[in-house]
C-alpha atoms as a PDB file:
ATOM      1  CA  MET A   1       2.209 -10.395 -18.864  1.00  0.00           C
ATOM      2  CA  SER A   2       4.592 -11.396 -21.933  1.00  0.00           C
ATOM      3  CA  VAL A   3       4.446 -15.215 -23.939  1.00  0.00           C
ATOM      4  CA  VAL A   4       7.813 -14.400 -23.477  1.00  0.00           C
ATOM      5  CA  PHE A   5       8.193 -15.072 -19.709  1.00  0.00           C
ATOM      6  CA  VAL A   6       5.821 -18.894 -19.995  1.00  0.00           C
ATOM      7  CA  PRO A   7       8.475 -21.361 -20.534  1.00  0.00           C
ATOM      8  CA  GLU A   8       7.463 -22.925 -24.575  1.00  0.00           C
ATOM      9  CA  ARG A   9       7.016 -26.879 -22.906  1.00  0.00           C
ATOM     10  CA  LEU A  10       3.920 -24.385 -21.038  1.00  0.00           C
ATOM     11  CA  ARG A  11       3.008 -22.713 -24.213  1.00  0.00           C
ATOM     12  CA  GLY A  12      -0.247 -23.034 -25.773  1.00  0.00           C
ATOM     13  CA  LYS A  13      -1.054 -26.223 -22.890  1.00  0.00           C
ATOM     14  CA  ALA A  14      -3.239 -24.707 -20.165  1.00  0.00           C
ATOM     15  CA  GLU A  15      -5.511 -26.301 -18.573  1.00  0.00           C
ATOM     16  CA  VAL A  16      -7.539 -23.992 -16.639  1.00  0.00           C
ATOM     17  CA  ASN A  17     -11.491 -24.738 -14.171  1.00  0.00           C
ATOM     18  CA  PRO A  18     -13.725 -22.542 -15.473  1.00  0.00           C
ATOM     19  CA  GLU A  19     -14.904 -22.708 -11.988  1.00  0.00           C
ATOM     20  CA  THR A  20     -11.215 -20.954 -10.943  1.00  0.00           C
ATOM     21  CA  LEU A  21     -11.102 -18.526 -13.709  1.00  0.00           C
ATOM     22  CA  GLN A  22     -14.551 -17.389 -13.002  1.00  0.00           C
ATOM     23  CA  ARG A  23     -14.316 -17.006  -9.297  1.00  0.00           C
ATOM     24  CA  LEU A  24     -10.732 -14.906  -9.991  1.00  0.00           C
ATOM     25  CA  LEU A  25     -12.580 -12.767 -11.676  1.00  0.00           C
ATOM     26  CA  GLU A  26     -14.937 -12.373  -8.230  1.00  0.00           C
ATOM     27  CA  GLU A  27     -12.217 -11.764  -6.030  1.00  0.00           C
ATOM     28  CA  ASN A  28     -10.642  -8.869  -8.517  1.00  0.00           C
ATOM     29  CA  ASP A  29     -14.447  -7.590  -8.751  1.00  0.00           C
ATOM     30  CA  GLN A  30     -14.464  -7.370  -4.745  1.00  0.00           C
ATOM     31  CA  LEU A  31     -11.038  -6.047  -4.683  1.00  0.00           C
ATOM     32  CA  ILE A  32     -11.473  -3.605  -7.161  1.00  0.00           C
ATOM     33  CA  ARG A  33     -14.716  -2.173  -4.537  1.00  0.00           C
ATOM     34  CA  CYS A  34     -12.970  -3.099  -1.744  1.00  0.00           C
ATOM     35  CA  ILE A  35      -9.972  -0.103  -3.327  1.00  0.00           C
ATOM     36  CA  VAL A  36     -11.834   2.414  -4.610  1.00  0.00           C
ATOM     37  CA  GLU A  37     -13.976   2.232  -1.344  1.00  0.00           C
ATOM     38  CA  TYR A  38     -10.528   2.871   0.850  1.00  0.00           C
ATOM     39  CA  GLN A  39      -9.603   5.787  -0.899  1.00  0.00           C
ATOM     40  CA  ASN A  40     -12.935   7.483  -1.104  1.00  0.00           C
ATOM     41  CA  LYS A  41     -11.774   7.766   2.147  1.00  0.00           C
ATOM     42  CA  GLY A  42      -8.932   9.009   2.051  1.00  0.00           C
ATOM     43  CA  ARG A  43      -7.136   5.768   2.793  1.00  0.00           C
ATOM     44  CA  ALA A  44      -4.888   5.430   0.370  1.00  0.00           C
ATOM     45  CA  THR A  45      -2.693   3.195   2.539  1.00  0.00           C
ATOM     46  CA  GLU A  46      -4.604   0.587   3.568  1.00  0.00           C
ATOM     47  CA  CYS A  47      -5.766  -0.341   0.051  1.00  0.00           C
ATOM     48  CA  VAL A  48      -2.643  -1.133  -1.128  1.00  0.00           C
ATOM     49  CA  GLN A  49      -2.302  -5.169   0.218  1.00  0.00           C
ATOM     50  CA  TYR A  50      -5.119  -5.103  -1.688  1.00  0.00           C
ATOM     51  CA  GLN A  51      -3.625  -3.404  -5.044  1.00  0.00           C
ATOM     52  CA  HIS A  52      -0.892  -6.879  -3.966  1.00  0.00           C
ATOM     53  CA  ILE A  53      -3.350  -9.145  -4.274  1.00  0.00           C
ATOM     54  CA  LEU A  54      -5.632  -7.609  -7.237  1.00  0.00           C
ATOM     55  CA  HIS A  55      -1.847  -7.496  -8.967  1.00  0.00           C
ATOM     56  CA  ARG A  56      -1.519 -11.379  -8.564  1.00  0.00           C
ATOM     57  CA  ASN A  57      -4.673 -12.377  -9.317  1.00  0.00           C
ATOM     58  CA  LEU A  58      -3.830 -10.164 -13.090  1.00  0.00           C
ATOM     59  CA  ILE A  59      -1.393 -11.383 -14.043  1.00  0.00           C
ATOM     60  CA  TYR A  60      -2.186 -15.141 -13.435  1.00  0.00           C
ATOM     61  CA  LEU A  61      -4.681 -14.957 -15.230  1.00  0.00           C
ATOM     62  CA  ALA A  62      -2.845 -12.516 -18.550  1.00  0.00           C
ATOM     63  CA  THR A  63      -0.019 -15.191 -18.076  1.00  0.00           C
ATOM     64  CA  ILE A  64      -2.902 -18.432 -18.443  1.00  0.00           C
ATOM     65  CA  ALA A  65      -4.772 -16.371 -21.408  1.00  0.00           C
ATOM     66  CA  ASP A  66      -0.976 -16.287 -23.269  1.00  0.00           C
ATOM     67  CA  ALA A  67      -0.498 -19.968 -22.311  1.00  0.00           C
ATOM     68  CA  THR A  68      -3.563 -20.564 -24.102  1.00  0.00           C
ATOM     69  CA  PRO A  69      -3.804 -20.968 -27.959  1.00  0.00           C
ATOM     70  CA  ALA A  70      -5.326 -18.716 -30.274  1.00  0.00           C
ATOM     71  CA  SER A  71      -8.115 -21.311 -31.624  1.00  0.00           C
ATOM     72  CA  VAL A  72      -9.172 -22.289 -27.886  1.00  0.00           C
ATOM     73  CA  GLN A  73      -9.991 -18.413 -26.410  1.00  0.00           C
ATOM     74  CA  LYS A  74     -13.550 -17.601 -27.230  1.00  0.00           C
ATOM     75  CA  THR A  75     -14.547 -14.319 -28.138  1.00  0.00           C
ATOM     76  CA  GLU A  76     -18.004 -12.555 -27.135  1.00  0.00           C
END
């Protein structure tokens, strides 16, 4: 998500619990595994609900990243 969509008053003020971020990353991992499994079984229509949840999670994480100042972001 572009920083354009983050309200000016919220830019640079993201305070997110690291445990919540880790939980979201783990949930995304599980969602991707489920999506791949359904697709491998030829059941692509069943994975749509998981794709929507994954998309929502990714947009949320991208919004947090956009709202976090570069000086605070860690590179590993």
